[in-house]
Each structure stands twice: as C-alpha cells, then as structure tokens.
Amino acid sequence: MGDKPSVQLKEMLLKIDIHIHTSMSPDASVSIEEIPQILRMKRLDGVAVTDHDRFFNKEIEGTVIIPGIEVSTRQGHLLGLGNVGEITPGLSVDETIRIIHSKDGVAILAHPFDVIRGGIRPAQVTEPLDGIETINSKAHPFRLSKYLAEKTARRLGIPTLGGSDSHIPETIGDAYTCIETRSASVEDVLDAIRHGSANAQGGPSGGMDELRRVKRKIGRGF
C-alpha cells in the first residue's frame, strides 16, 4: 500500500481592522456591545482593540476580537497585538518591542509617518518588527504617509497592515487588513501576520471624522 496523500488545509481570508479604540480610551466613544453590529454592517470579520495604554482582552461570541494595546513609547505609538497584557508607557520603543515579543505578541509600527501625531520613525527602531501600518485612515498627509510606509515595508521585508485608528463607530473599517489564515483563532491570525500573509486595504476617513467626534462629545456633554 502506498503512502496516504497529505491533507492540504484550506486557508480562509479574513478582513480585520487592526487598530480601533473603544470608550476605554479617553478620546473614543465606541462601546464594546456595538462592535458585532458594526462588523456586520461594515462586512468585516473582526477587529483588534488597541486602546491607549490600556490592554483589551475580552471575547465576544461569534466575533474575531484580537486583544491588543497601543503603547505610548518615548518615540511614539506602537501596537502590540496578542495576549501582551498591560505595558508601561514611556519606555523606549526597543524595550517595548522586547516586552511584546517576550509575551508572544506581534509589534507593529502605528502611523509611522504621520506628521501631526509624530509616529515612530523606522530609523529609531533596532529590534525586529512584525509589521508596519501602511494604511492608517487618520494619517496626515494620507498619501505621503502611505507611500513612505509601503516603501519602508518593502525595504525591511515586513507585512503591510491597515487600520482605521477609529475612535467612533462610523469610521471602523475605513482601513483594514486582509489576512490569509488557517482559522479565525487569535493564535492563527497572529501567526499569519508574522509569516507575511497580510496586506493593507482601505483609505482615509477624511475631515468628517473629526466633526463626528466633536458631535459625539457634545452629545455626551464632554
């Protein structure tokens, strides 16, 4: 009898917004409860919740939620995806990356060429990165930021990722990442990113984003 042919597992393609904020961030108004409905409306498979200096790790049944955090390093903002826990802000970017990797997370540069928010420049990093956010819907100027980030991703040979950086429900999914993965588990999604099976999609949110945020603040009485 001959050897049995190996079974080739099919991969699935997930659309995940890898950078959103909830009301746990002081400048955001997205509630956890409304995420499933937003995903259905935007035809997304999941999101990574990356609140400012606050780790998020809650499961929502039937929804792909990637735990994460947006850490304020001394050089700028860094996304840590996975079960990385709370990370002290104000450390160097390299030290923060080492902490993320020690907890089997992935470290991603957030909006590295945004001239307003001052992202971490790749030249400031010596530790290995797992990806770079080439499409951030709030980046200014959008086209230049995208171009420079894509050029950096090619030079470093790391995956391109897309995130809306949304602080309000309306803009979730304006940018997202297409990820080819064996399953929708957090572990498989993170492995797919590490192995480069991810690419950024989407565009800018535009000026209406800030107007909506102001309107929501007024509605909440600041």
N, C-alpha and C. Protein backbone atom coordinates (compact mmCIF):
# COMPACT_ATOMS: atom_id res chain seq x y z
N MET A 1 0.84 -1.20 0.00
CA MET A 1 0.00 0.00 0.00
C MET A 1 0.88 1.25 0.00
N GLY A 2 0.48 2.20 -0.81
CA GLY A 2 1.26 3.44 -0.88
C GLY A 2 0.95 4.37 0.28
N ASP A 3 1.80 5.35 0.41
CA ASP A 3 1.57 6.35 1.46
C ASP A 3 0.31 7.15 1.16
N LYS A 4 -0.40 7.49 2.23
CA LYS A 4 -1.60 8.32 2.07
C LYS A 4 -1.19 9.73 1.68
N PRO A 5 -1.94 10.33 0.75
CA PRO A 5 -1.61 11.71 0.39
C PRO A 5 -1.85 12.64 1.57
N SER A 6 -0.98 13.64 1.71
CA SER A 6 -1.14 14.59 2.81
C SER A 6 -2.37 15.45 2.58
N VAL A 7 -3.03 15.80 3.65
CA VAL A 7 -4.23 16.64 3.56
C VAL A 7 -3.80 18.10 3.55
N GLN A 8 -4.22 18.83 2.54
CA GLN A 8 -3.89 20.24 2.42
C GLN A 8 -5.01 21.06 3.06
N LEU A 9 -4.69 21.72 4.17
CA LEU A 9 -5.70 22.51 4.84
C LEU A 9 -5.98 23.79 4.06
N LYS A 10 -7.25 24.11 3.88
CA LYS A 10 -7.62 25.33 3.19
C LYS A 10 -7.44 26.52 4.12
N GLU A 11 -6.98 27.61 3.55
CA GLU A 11 -6.87 28.82 4.34
C GLU A 11 -8.07 29.71 4.07
N MET A 12 -8.41 30.51 5.08
CA MET A 12 -9.51 31.45 4.94
C MET A 12 -8.95 32.86 4.88
N LEU A 13 -9.70 33.75 4.24
CA LEU A 13 -9.30 35.15 4.13
C LEU A 13 -10.18 35.97 5.06
N LEU A 14 -9.55 36.62 6.04
CA LEU A 14 -10.27 37.44 7.00
C LEU A 14 -9.97 38.91 6.75
N LYS A 15 -10.99 39.73 6.95
CA LYS A 15 -10.84 41.19 6.89
C LYS A 15 -10.91 41.72 8.31
N ILE A 16 -9.77 42.21 8.81
CA ILE A 16 -9.69 42.65 10.19
C ILE A 16 -9.12 44.06 10.27
N ASP A 17 -9.86 44.94 10.92
CA ASP A 17 -9.38 46.28 11.22
C ASP A 17 -8.47 46.15 12.44
N ILE A 18 -7.16 46.33 12.25
CA ILE A 18 -6.21 46.00 13.31
C ILE A 18 -5.94 47.17 14.27
N HIS A 19 -6.74 48.23 14.18
CA HIS A 19 -6.45 49.40 15.02
C HIS A 19 -7.73 50.19 15.28
N ILE A 20 -8.44 49.83 16.36
CA ILE A 20 -9.61 50.62 16.75
C ILE A 20 -9.53 50.92 18.25
N HIS A 21 -10.27 51.95 18.65
CA HIS A 21 -10.33 52.35 20.05
C HIS A 21 -11.78 52.26 20.55
N THR A 22 -11.91 51.89 21.80
CA THR A 22 -13.23 51.85 22.43
C THR A 22 -13.32 52.97 23.48
N SER A 23 -14.42 53.01 24.17
CA SER A 23 -14.62 54.03 25.19
C SER A 23 -13.64 53.88 26.36
N MET A 24 -12.84 52.80 26.35
CA MET A 24 -11.79 52.67 27.35
C MET A 24 -10.64 53.63 27.07
N SER A 25 -10.57 54.15 25.84
CA SER A 25 -9.65 55.25 25.53
C SER A 25 -10.38 56.55 25.81
N PRO A 26 -9.75 57.51 26.46
CA PRO A 26 -10.45 58.72 26.87
C PRO A 26 -11.01 59.56 25.72
N ASP A 27 -10.47 59.37 24.51
CA ASP A 27 -10.91 60.18 23.39
C ASP A 27 -11.77 59.40 22.40
N ALA A 28 -12.31 58.25 22.82
CA ALA A 28 -13.11 57.40 21.92
C ALA A 28 -14.50 57.15 22.50
N SER A 29 -15.43 56.75 21.60
CA SER A 29 -16.82 56.57 22.03
C SER A 29 -17.43 55.26 21.54
N VAL A 30 -16.61 54.31 21.13
CA VAL A 30 -17.12 53.01 20.66
C VAL A 30 -17.36 52.11 21.87
N SER A 31 -18.59 51.63 22.02
CA SER A 31 -18.87 50.71 23.13
C SER A 31 -18.62 49.28 22.68
N ILE A 32 -18.22 48.45 23.62
CA ILE A 32 -17.92 47.05 23.31
C ILE A 32 -19.15 46.36 22.73
N GLU A 33 -20.31 46.67 23.28
CA GLU A 33 -21.55 45.97 22.90
C GLU A 33 -21.92 46.19 21.44
N GLU A 34 -21.53 47.33 20.86
CA GLU A 34 -21.95 47.61 19.49
C GLU A 34 -20.99 47.08 18.43
N ILE A 35 -19.87 46.50 18.84
CA ILE A 35 -18.89 46.02 17.87
C ILE A 35 -19.45 44.95 16.92
N PRO A 36 -20.16 43.92 17.41
CA PRO A 36 -20.69 42.92 16.47
C PRO A 36 -21.58 43.51 15.38
N GLN A 37 -22.45 44.44 15.74
CA GLN A 37 -23.32 45.07 14.75
C GLN A 37 -22.52 45.89 13.75
N ILE A 38 -21.51 46.59 14.23
CA ILE A 38 -20.66 47.38 13.34
C ILE A 38 -19.95 46.48 12.34
N LEU A 39 -19.44 45.35 12.82
CA LEU A 39 -18.74 44.42 11.93
C LEU A 39 -19.66 43.88 10.85
N ARG A 40 -20.90 43.58 11.22
CA ARG A 40 -21.86 43.10 10.22
C ARG A 40 -22.14 44.18 9.17
N MET A 41 -22.32 45.39 9.63
CA MET A 41 -22.62 46.50 8.71
C MET A 41 -21.45 46.77 7.78
N LYS A 42 -20.23 46.69 8.31
CA LYS A 42 -19.04 47.00 7.52
C LYS A 42 -18.47 45.79 6.79
N ARG A 43 -19.09 44.62 6.98
CA ARG A 43 -18.64 43.39 6.34
C ARG A 43 -17.19 43.06 6.69
N LEU A 44 -16.90 43.23 7.96
CA LEU A 44 -15.60 42.86 8.50
C LEU A 44 -15.72 41.55 9.27
N ASP A 45 -14.62 40.83 9.38
CA ASP A 45 -14.62 39.60 10.16
C ASP A 45 -14.18 39.83 11.60
N GLY A 46 -13.49 40.93 11.84
CA GLY A 46 -13.04 41.17 13.20
C GLY A 46 -12.29 42.47 13.33
N VAL A 47 -11.86 42.74 14.55
CA VAL A 47 -11.07 43.93 14.85
C VAL A 47 -10.01 43.59 15.89
N ALA A 48 -8.98 44.40 15.93
CA ALA A 48 -8.04 44.39 17.04
C ALA A 48 -8.33 45.64 17.86
N VAL A 49 -8.62 45.45 19.14
CA VAL A 49 -8.91 46.58 20.01
C VAL A 49 -7.60 47.04 20.64
N THR A 50 -7.22 48.28 20.35
CA THR A 50 -5.91 48.79 20.75
C THR A 50 -6.08 50.13 21.46
N ASP A 51 -6.64 50.09 22.66
CA ASP A 51 -6.86 51.32 23.41
C ASP A 51 -5.53 51.91 23.88
N HIS A 52 -5.55 53.21 24.13
CA HIS A 52 -4.34 53.92 24.53
C HIS A 52 -3.85 53.46 25.90
N ASP A 53 -2.67 52.81 25.90
CA ASP A 53 -2.00 52.40 27.14
C ASP A 53 -2.93 51.62 28.07
N ARG A 54 -3.84 50.87 27.47
CA ARG A 54 -4.76 50.05 28.24
C ARG A 54 -5.03 48.75 27.48
N PHE A 55 -4.64 47.64 28.05
CA PHE A 55 -4.77 46.36 27.37
C PHE A 55 -6.22 45.89 27.34
N PHE A 56 -6.65 45.42 26.17
CA PHE A 56 -8.01 44.91 25.99
C PHE A 56 -7.94 43.43 25.67
N ASN A 57 -8.69 42.62 26.42
CA ASN A 57 -8.70 41.18 26.17
C ASN A 57 -10.04 40.59 26.58
N LYS A 58 -11.09 40.99 25.87
CA LYS A 58 -12.42 40.45 26.13
C LYS A 58 -12.92 39.72 24.89
N GLU A 59 -13.58 38.61 25.11
CA GLU A 59 -14.13 37.85 24.00
C GLU A 59 -15.58 38.25 23.75
N ILE A 60 -15.94 38.26 22.47
CA ILE A 60 -17.33 38.50 22.08
C ILE A 60 -17.74 37.32 21.20
N GLU A 61 -18.71 36.57 21.63
CA GLU A 61 -19.10 35.34 20.94
C GLU A 61 -19.45 35.60 19.48
N GLY A 62 -18.89 34.77 18.62
CA GLY A 62 -19.18 34.87 17.19
C GLY A 62 -18.41 35.96 16.47
N THR A 63 -17.47 36.58 17.17
CA THR A 63 -16.73 37.70 16.59
C THR A 63 -15.23 37.50 16.82
N VAL A 64 -14.42 37.82 15.81
CA VAL A 64 -12.98 37.75 15.96
C VAL A 64 -12.49 39.03 16.62
N ILE A 65 -12.08 38.93 17.85
CA ILE A 65 -11.53 40.07 18.57
C ILE A 65 -10.07 39.76 18.92
N ILE A 66 -9.16 40.55 18.35
CA ILE A 66 -7.75 40.39 18.64
C ILE A 66 -7.40 41.27 19.84
N PRO A 67 -6.92 40.69 20.94
CA PRO A 67 -6.53 41.52 22.07
C PRO A 67 -5.34 42.39 21.71
N GLY A 68 -5.29 43.57 22.31
CA GLY A 68 -4.18 44.44 21.97
C GLY A 68 -4.11 45.69 22.81
N ILE A 69 -3.15 46.53 22.45
CA ILE A 69 -2.89 47.78 23.16
C ILE A 69 -2.11 48.69 22.23
N GLU A 70 -2.33 50.00 22.34
CA GLU A 70 -1.49 50.98 21.66
C GLU A 70 -0.64 51.65 22.74
N VAL A 71 0.64 51.36 22.71
CA VAL A 71 1.55 51.80 23.77
C VAL A 71 2.21 53.13 23.38
N SER A 72 2.23 54.05 24.31
CA SER A 72 2.92 55.32 24.11
C SER A 72 4.38 55.15 24.54
N THR A 73 5.24 54.83 23.58
CA THR A 73 6.66 54.73 23.88
C THR A 73 7.28 56.13 23.87
N ARG A 74 8.53 56.23 24.23
CA ARG A 74 9.20 57.54 24.22
C ARG A 74 9.28 58.12 22.82
N GLN A 75 9.34 57.22 21.82
CA GLN A 75 9.46 57.68 20.44
C GLN A 75 8.12 57.84 19.73
N GLY A 76 7.05 57.29 20.26
CA GLY A 76 5.75 57.37 19.59
C GLY A 76 4.92 56.13 19.87
N HIS A 77 3.88 55.94 19.06
CA HIS A 77 2.90 54.88 19.32
C HIS A 77 3.29 53.57 18.65
N LEU A 78 3.10 52.48 19.41
CA LEU A 78 3.39 51.13 18.92
C LEU A 78 2.21 50.23 19.26
N LEU A 79 1.76 49.43 18.28
CA LEU A 79 0.69 48.48 18.52
C LEU A 79 1.29 47.16 18.99
N GLY A 80 0.70 46.60 20.05
CA GLY A 80 1.05 45.27 20.50
C GLY A 80 -0.18 44.39 20.42
N LEU A 81 -0.17 43.39 19.56
CA LEU A 81 -1.31 42.50 19.39
C LEU A 81 -1.01 41.15 20.00
N GLY A 82 -2.04 40.55 20.60
CA GLY A 82 -1.87 39.28 21.29
C GLY A 82 -2.06 39.47 22.78
N ASN A 83 -1.83 38.42 23.52
CA ASN A 83 -2.05 38.46 24.97
C ASN A 83 -0.84 39.07 25.68
N VAL A 84 -0.60 40.35 25.39
CA VAL A 84 0.61 41.00 25.87
C VAL A 84 0.43 41.65 27.24
N GLY A 85 -0.81 41.83 27.68
CA GLY A 85 -1.06 42.42 28.98
C GLY A 85 -0.77 43.91 29.01
N GLU A 86 -0.85 44.48 30.20
CA GLU A 86 -0.54 45.90 30.36
C GLU A 86 0.95 46.13 30.15
N ILE A 87 1.27 47.21 29.45
CA ILE A 87 2.67 47.56 29.20
C ILE A 87 2.88 49.00 29.63
N THR A 88 3.90 49.22 30.43
CA THR A 88 4.17 50.55 30.96
C THR A 88 4.49 51.52 29.83
N PRO A 89 3.77 52.64 29.74
CA PRO A 89 4.12 53.65 28.74
C PRO A 89 5.41 54.37 29.12
N GLY A 90 5.99 55.04 28.13
CA GLY A 90 7.18 55.84 28.39
C GLY A 90 8.50 55.11 28.29
N LEU A 91 8.44 53.82 27.97
CA LEU A 91 9.68 53.07 27.74
C LEU A 91 10.18 53.36 26.33
N SER A 92 11.39 52.95 26.03
CA SER A 92 11.87 53.09 24.65
C SER A 92 11.11 52.14 23.75
N VAL A 93 11.10 52.46 22.46
CA VAL A 93 10.39 51.59 21.52
C VAL A 93 11.02 50.20 21.50
N ASP A 94 12.35 50.12 21.55
CA ASP A 94 13.01 48.82 21.51
C ASP A 94 12.67 47.97 22.74
N GLU A 95 12.65 48.60 23.90
CA GLU A 95 12.31 47.86 25.12
C GLU A 95 10.86 47.38 25.06
N THR A 96 9.99 48.23 24.52
CA THR A 96 8.58 47.86 24.40
C THR A 96 8.40 46.68 23.45
N ILE A 97 9.12 46.69 22.34
CA ILE A 97 9.07 45.57 21.39
C ILE A 97 9.53 44.28 22.06
N ARG A 98 10.60 44.37 22.84
CA ARG A 98 11.10 43.17 23.53
C ARG A 98 10.06 42.62 24.50
N ILE A 99 9.35 43.49 25.17
CA ILE A 99 8.29 43.04 26.09
C ILE A 99 7.18 42.34 25.32
N ILE A 100 6.76 42.94 24.22
CA ILE A 100 5.70 42.34 23.39
C ILE A 100 6.11 40.97 22.90
N HIS A 101 7.33 40.84 22.41
CA HIS A 101 7.81 39.56 21.89
C HIS A 101 7.98 38.52 23.00
N SER A 102 8.34 38.97 24.18
CA SER A 102 8.50 38.03 25.30
C SER A 102 7.17 37.41 25.70
N LYS A 103 6.07 38.06 25.30
CA LYS A 103 4.73 37.56 25.60
C LYS A 103 4.05 36.99 24.36
N ASP A 104 4.89 36.65 23.35
CA ASP A 104 4.41 36.04 22.09
C ASP A 104 3.43 36.93 21.34
N GLY A 105 3.56 38.24 21.49
CA GLY A 105 2.73 39.16 20.73
C GLY A 105 3.44 39.63 19.48
N VAL A 106 2.73 40.39 18.67
CA VAL A 106 3.33 40.99 17.48
C VAL A 106 3.40 42.50 17.67
N ALA A 107 4.50 43.08 17.22
CA ALA A 107 4.76 44.51 17.37
C ALA A 107 4.66 45.19 16.01
N ILE A 108 3.80 46.22 15.95
CA ILE A 108 3.51 46.88 14.69
C ILE A 108 3.67 48.39 14.85
N LEU A 109 4.40 49.01 13.95
CA LEU A 109 4.52 50.46 13.97
C LEU A 109 3.18 51.08 13.56
N ALA A 110 2.68 51.99 14.39
CA ALA A 110 1.42 52.66 14.08
C ALA A 110 1.70 54.03 13.45
N HIS A 111 0.99 54.31 12.35
CA HIS A 111 1.09 55.60 11.62
C HIS A 111 2.49 56.22 11.72
N PRO A 112 3.53 55.52 11.23
CA PRO A 112 4.92 55.96 11.45
C PRO A 112 5.28 57.28 10.78
N PHE A 113 4.55 57.67 9.73
CA PHE A 113 4.92 58.90 9.02
C PHE A 113 3.85 59.98 9.11
N ASP A 114 3.02 59.89 10.14
CA ASP A 114 2.02 60.92 10.39
C ASP A 114 2.73 62.16 10.93
N VAL A 115 2.60 63.29 10.22
CA VAL A 115 3.34 64.48 10.62
C VAL A 115 2.69 65.20 11.80
N ILE A 116 1.40 64.93 12.06
CA ILE A 116 0.70 65.59 13.16
C ILE A 116 0.92 64.85 14.46
N ARG A 117 0.71 63.53 14.43
CA ARG A 117 0.82 62.75 15.66
C ARG A 117 2.23 62.24 15.94
N GLY A 118 3.11 62.39 14.97
CA GLY A 118 4.51 62.03 15.22
C GLY A 118 4.72 60.57 15.52
N GLY A 119 4.50 59.71 14.55
CA GLY A 119 4.71 58.28 14.76
C GLY A 119 6.19 57.94 14.90
N ILE A 120 6.45 56.70 15.28
CA ILE A 120 7.82 56.21 15.42
C ILE A 120 8.44 56.05 14.03
N ARG A 121 9.55 56.68 13.82
CA ARG A 121 10.26 56.51 12.55
C ARG A 121 11.01 55.17 12.57
N PRO A 122 10.98 54.44 11.47
CA PRO A 122 11.68 53.14 11.43
C PRO A 122 13.15 53.23 11.80
N ALA A 123 13.79 54.36 11.51
CA ALA A 123 15.20 54.51 11.83
C ALA A 123 15.45 54.53 13.34
N GLN A 124 14.39 54.75 14.13
CA GLN A 124 14.52 54.77 15.58
C GLN A 124 14.44 53.39 16.20
N VAL A 125 14.20 52.37 15.36
CA VAL A 125 13.95 51.01 15.85
C VAL A 125 15.11 50.10 15.47
N THR A 126 15.63 49.35 16.44
CA THR A 126 16.65 48.35 16.13
C THR A 126 16.14 46.93 16.34
N GLU A 127 15.12 46.76 17.17
CA GLU A 127 14.52 45.44 17.37
C GLU A 127 13.69 45.06 16.14
N PRO A 128 13.55 43.75 15.86
CA PRO A 128 12.76 43.32 14.70
C PRO A 128 11.28 43.62 14.88
N LEU A 129 10.67 44.15 13.84
CA LEU A 129 9.23 44.44 13.83
C LEU A 129 8.48 43.32 13.12
N ASP A 130 7.20 43.16 13.46
CA ASP A 130 6.36 42.15 12.82
C ASP A 130 5.50 42.73 11.71
N GLY A 131 5.45 44.05 11.61
CA GLY A 131 4.65 44.68 10.58
C GLY A 131 4.65 46.18 10.73
N ILE A 132 4.13 46.84 9.72
CA ILE A 132 4.03 48.29 9.73
C ILE A 132 2.65 48.69 9.21
N GLU A 133 2.03 49.64 9.89
CA GLU A 133 0.71 50.11 9.49
C GLU A 133 0.89 51.07 8.31
N THR A 134 0.76 50.53 7.11
CA THR A 134 0.97 51.35 5.92
C THR A 134 -0.27 52.16 5.58
N ILE A 135 -1.46 51.65 5.98
CA ILE A 135 -2.69 52.42 5.78
C ILE A 135 -3.31 52.68 7.14
N ASN A 136 -3.30 53.94 7.52
CA ASN A 136 -3.98 54.40 8.74
C ASN A 136 -4.93 55.48 8.29
N SER A 137 -6.22 55.28 8.52
CA SER A 137 -7.23 56.17 7.96
C SER A 137 -7.18 57.59 8.50
N LYS A 138 -6.48 57.80 9.61
CA LYS A 138 -6.37 59.13 10.19
C LYS A 138 -5.03 59.79 9.93
N ALA A 139 -4.15 59.13 9.18
CA ALA A 139 -2.81 59.66 8.95
C ALA A 139 -2.85 60.94 8.12
N HIS A 140 -1.96 61.87 8.47
CA HIS A 140 -1.83 63.15 7.75
C HIS A 140 -0.35 63.36 7.40
N PRO A 141 -0.06 63.71 6.12
CA PRO A 141 -0.95 63.61 4.97
C PRO A 141 -1.10 62.16 4.54
N PHE A 142 -2.28 61.74 4.16
CA PHE A 142 -2.55 60.32 3.97
C PHE A 142 -1.69 59.69 2.88
N ARG A 143 -1.68 60.29 1.69
CA ARG A 143 -0.98 59.66 0.56
C ARG A 143 0.53 59.57 0.80
N LEU A 144 1.11 60.62 1.34
CA LEU A 144 2.54 60.59 1.60
C LEU A 144 2.87 59.57 2.70
N SER A 145 2.05 59.54 3.74
CA SER A 145 2.28 58.57 4.83
C SER A 145 2.22 57.15 4.30
N LYS A 146 1.23 56.88 3.47
CA LYS A 146 1.07 55.54 2.89
C LYS A 146 2.27 55.19 2.01
N TYR A 147 2.67 56.11 1.17
CA TYR A 147 3.79 55.86 0.27
C TYR A 147 5.08 55.55 1.04
N LEU A 148 5.39 56.36 2.03
CA LEU A 148 6.62 56.17 2.80
C LEU A 148 6.58 54.88 3.60
N ALA A 149 5.41 54.56 4.16
CA ALA A 149 5.29 53.32 4.94
C ALA A 149 5.42 52.09 4.05
N GLU A 150 4.83 52.13 2.86
CA GLU A 150 4.95 51.00 1.94
C GLU A 150 6.39 50.82 1.48
N LYS A 151 7.07 51.92 1.23
CA LYS A 151 8.48 51.86 0.83
C LYS A 151 9.32 51.24 1.94
N THR A 152 9.01 51.60 3.19
CA THR A 152 9.73 51.04 4.34
C THR A 152 9.45 49.55 4.49
N ALA A 153 8.19 49.16 4.29
CA ALA A 153 7.82 47.74 4.41
C ALA A 153 8.59 46.90 3.40
N ARG A 154 8.72 47.40 2.18
CA ARG A 154 9.48 46.66 1.16
C ARG A 154 10.94 46.57 1.54
N ARG A 155 11.49 47.66 2.04
CA ARG A 155 12.92 47.68 2.41
C ARG A 155 13.21 46.72 3.56
N LEU A 156 12.30 46.67 4.54
CA LEU A 156 12.51 45.81 5.71
C LEU A 156 12.00 44.40 5.51
N GLY A 157 11.19 44.19 4.46
CA GLY A 157 10.63 42.87 4.22
C GLY A 157 9.62 42.44 5.27
N ILE A 158 8.78 43.38 5.71
CA ILE A 158 7.77 43.08 6.73
C ILE A 158 6.38 43.34 6.18
N PRO A 159 5.35 42.71 6.79
CA PRO A 159 3.98 42.82 6.27
C PRO A 159 3.42 44.24 6.36
N THR A 160 2.53 44.55 5.43
CA THR A 160 1.78 45.80 5.46
C THR A 160 0.43 45.54 6.11
N LEU A 161 0.05 46.45 7.00
CA LEU A 161 -1.22 46.28 7.71
C LEU A 161 -2.04 47.56 7.64
N GLY A 162 -3.37 47.38 7.69
CA GLY A 162 -4.26 48.51 7.61
C GLY A 162 -5.18 48.59 8.82
N GLY A 163 -5.31 49.79 9.36
CA GLY A 163 -6.21 50.01 10.49
C GLY A 163 -6.86 51.37 10.38
N SER A 164 -8.10 51.45 10.80
CA SER A 164 -8.82 52.72 10.71
C SER A 164 -8.37 53.72 11.76
N ASP A 165 -7.80 53.21 12.88
CA ASP A 165 -7.48 54.07 14.03
C ASP A 165 -8.75 54.79 14.48
N SER A 166 -9.87 54.09 14.35
CA SER A 166 -11.16 54.72 14.61
C SER A 166 -11.41 54.91 16.09
N HIS A 167 -11.99 56.08 16.42
CA HIS A 167 -12.40 56.39 17.77
C HIS A 167 -13.93 56.50 17.87
N ILE A 168 -14.58 56.36 16.72
CA ILE A 168 -16.05 56.42 16.65
C ILE A 168 -16.55 55.28 15.78
N PRO A 169 -17.80 54.84 15.97
CA PRO A 169 -18.30 53.69 15.20
C PRO A 169 -18.30 53.90 13.69
N GLU A 170 -18.58 55.11 13.25
CA GLU A 170 -18.78 55.35 11.81
C GLU A 170 -17.55 55.05 10.96
N THR A 171 -16.36 55.20 11.52
CA THR A 171 -15.15 55.05 10.70
C THR A 171 -14.44 53.71 10.86
N ILE A 172 -14.97 52.83 11.70
CA ILE A 172 -14.39 51.49 11.79
C ILE A 172 -14.47 50.82 10.42
N GLY A 173 -13.38 50.24 9.97
CA GLY A 173 -13.35 49.57 8.69
C GLY A 173 -12.97 50.45 7.52
N ASP A 174 -12.71 51.75 7.76
CA ASP A 174 -12.25 52.59 6.66
C ASP A 174 -10.92 52.07 6.12
N ALA A 175 -10.14 51.45 7.00
CA ALA A 175 -8.95 50.69 6.58
C ALA A 175 -8.97 49.37 7.33
N TYR A 176 -8.40 48.34 6.72
CA TYR A 176 -8.40 47.01 7.33
C TYR A 176 -7.27 46.19 6.72
N THR A 177 -7.08 45.01 7.27
CA THR A 177 -6.03 44.11 6.79
C THR A 177 -6.65 42.80 6.31
N CYS A 178 -6.29 42.39 5.11
CA CYS A 178 -6.69 41.07 4.61
C CYS A 178 -5.64 40.06 5.07
N ILE A 179 -6.10 39.04 5.80
CA ILE A 179 -5.19 38.07 6.40
C ILE A 179 -5.58 36.66 5.97
N GLU A 180 -4.63 35.96 5.34
CA GLU A 180 -4.85 34.55 4.98
C GLU A 180 -4.40 33.70 6.15
N THR A 181 -5.34 32.96 6.73
CA THR A 181 -5.03 32.23 7.95
C THR A 181 -5.71 30.87 7.94
N ARG A 182 -5.18 29.94 8.74
CA ARG A 182 -5.75 28.58 8.80
C ARG A 182 -7.09 28.57 9.53
N SER A 183 -7.26 29.50 10.46
CA SER A 183 -8.52 29.57 11.21
C SER A 183 -8.69 30.99 11.73
N ALA A 184 -9.81 31.23 12.38
CA ALA A 184 -10.09 32.55 12.92
C ALA A 184 -9.61 32.69 14.36
N SER A 185 -8.82 31.73 14.84
CA SER A 185 -8.30 31.84 16.20
C SER A 185 -7.27 32.96 16.28
N VAL A 186 -7.14 33.55 17.45
CA VAL A 186 -6.17 34.63 17.63
C VAL A 186 -4.76 34.15 17.31
N GLU A 187 -4.43 32.94 17.75
CA GLU A 187 -3.09 32.41 17.52
C GLU A 187 -2.78 32.28 16.03
N ASP A 188 -3.74 31.76 15.26
CA ASP A 188 -3.51 31.58 13.82
C ASP A 188 -3.45 32.92 13.09
N VAL A 189 -4.26 33.88 13.52
CA VAL A 189 -4.22 35.21 12.90
C VAL A 189 -2.86 35.87 13.14
N LEU A 190 -2.38 35.79 14.36
CA LEU A 190 -1.08 36.38 14.67
C LEU A 190 0.05 35.68 13.92
N ASP A 191 -0.04 34.34 13.81
CA ASP A 191 0.96 33.59 13.05
C ASP A 191 0.96 34.02 11.58
N ALA A 192 -0.22 34.25 11.03
CA ALA A 192 -0.33 34.67 9.64
C ALA A 192 0.34 36.02 9.42
N ILE A 193 0.16 36.93 10.38
CA ILE A 193 0.83 38.23 10.28
C ILE A 193 2.33 38.05 10.33
N ARG A 194 2.81 37.24 11.28
CA ARG A 194 4.25 37.01 11.41
C ARG A 194 4.87 36.47 10.12
N HIS A 195 4.10 35.61 9.43
CA HIS A 195 4.63 34.97 8.22
C HIS A 195 4.33 35.74 6.95
N GLY A 196 3.79 36.95 7.10
CA GLY A 196 3.61 37.82 5.94
C GLY A 196 2.36 37.59 5.14
N SER A 197 1.40 36.83 5.68
CA SER A 197 0.16 36.56 4.95
C SER A 197 -0.88 37.64 5.27
N ALA A 198 -0.47 38.88 5.09
CA ALA A 198 -1.34 40.01 5.42
C ALA A 198 -1.01 41.17 4.50
N ASN A 199 -2.04 41.92 4.11
CA ASN A 199 -1.80 43.13 3.34
C ASN A 199 -2.88 44.17 3.62
N ALA A 200 -2.48 45.42 3.55
CA ALA A 200 -3.35 46.53 3.93
C ALA A 200 -4.31 46.92 2.82
N GLN A 201 -5.51 47.33 3.22
CA GLN A 201 -6.53 47.80 2.29
C GLN A 201 -7.23 49.01 2.92
N GLY A 202 -7.88 49.79 2.07
CA GLY A 202 -8.70 50.89 2.58
C GLY A 202 -8.12 52.26 2.26
N GLY A 203 -8.74 53.28 2.88
CA GLY A 203 -8.34 54.65 2.58
C GLY A 203 -8.56 55.57 3.76
N PRO A 204 -8.49 56.88 3.52
CA PRO A 204 -8.61 57.85 4.62
C PRO A 204 -10.06 58.04 5.05
N SER A 205 -10.23 58.41 6.31
CA SER A 205 -11.57 58.71 6.81
C SER A 205 -12.03 60.10 6.39
N GLY A 206 -11.11 61.01 6.21
CA GLY A 206 -11.46 62.35 5.77
C GLY A 206 -11.82 63.27 6.93
N GLY A 207 -12.11 64.52 6.58
CA GLY A 207 -12.38 65.54 7.59
C GLY A 207 -13.64 65.30 8.39
N MET A 208 -14.59 64.52 7.87
CA MET A 208 -15.83 64.28 8.59
C MET A 208 -15.58 63.53 9.89
N ASP A 209 -14.46 62.83 9.99
CA ASP A 209 -14.15 62.07 11.20
C ASP A 209 -14.12 62.99 12.42
N GLU A 210 -13.37 64.09 12.31
CA GLU A 210 -13.25 65.00 13.45
C GLU A 210 -14.59 65.65 13.77
N LEU A 211 -15.38 65.97 12.75
CA LEU A 211 -16.68 66.58 13.00
C LEU A 211 -17.60 65.63 13.76
N ARG A 212 -17.56 64.34 13.39
CA ARG A 212 -18.38 63.35 14.09
C ARG A 212 -17.93 63.21 15.54
N ARG A 213 -16.62 63.24 15.76
CA ARG A 213 -16.11 63.10 17.12
C ARG A 213 -16.56 64.27 18.00
N VAL A 214 -16.51 65.48 17.44
CA VAL A 214 -16.96 66.65 18.19
C VAL A 214 -18.44 66.55 18.49
N LYS A 215 -19.22 66.11 17.52
CA LYS A 215 -20.67 65.97 17.71
C LYS A 215 -20.97 64.97 18.81
N ARG A 216 -20.23 63.86 18.84
CA ARG A 216 -20.46 62.86 19.87
C ARG A 216 -20.08 63.38 21.25
N LYS A 217 -18.99 64.19 21.32
CA LYS A 217 -18.60 64.77 22.60
C LYS A 217 -19.66 65.73 23.11
N ILE A 218 -20.21 66.51 22.20
CA ILE A 218 -21.27 67.44 22.60
C ILE A 218 -22.48 66.66 23.11
N GLY A 219 -22.79 65.58 22.42
CA GLY A 219 -23.93 64.75 22.82
C GLY A 219 -23.76 64.14 24.19
N ARG A 220 -22.49 63.85 24.55
CA ARG A 220 -22.20 63.28 25.86
C ARG A 220 -21.93 64.35 26.92
N GLY A 221 -22.02 65.62 26.49
CA GLY A 221 -21.78 66.71 27.43
C GLY A 221 -20.33 66.80 27.86
N PHE A 222 -19.42 66.36 26.94
CA PHE A 222 -17.99 66.35 27.23
C PHE A 222 -17.70 65.58 28.50
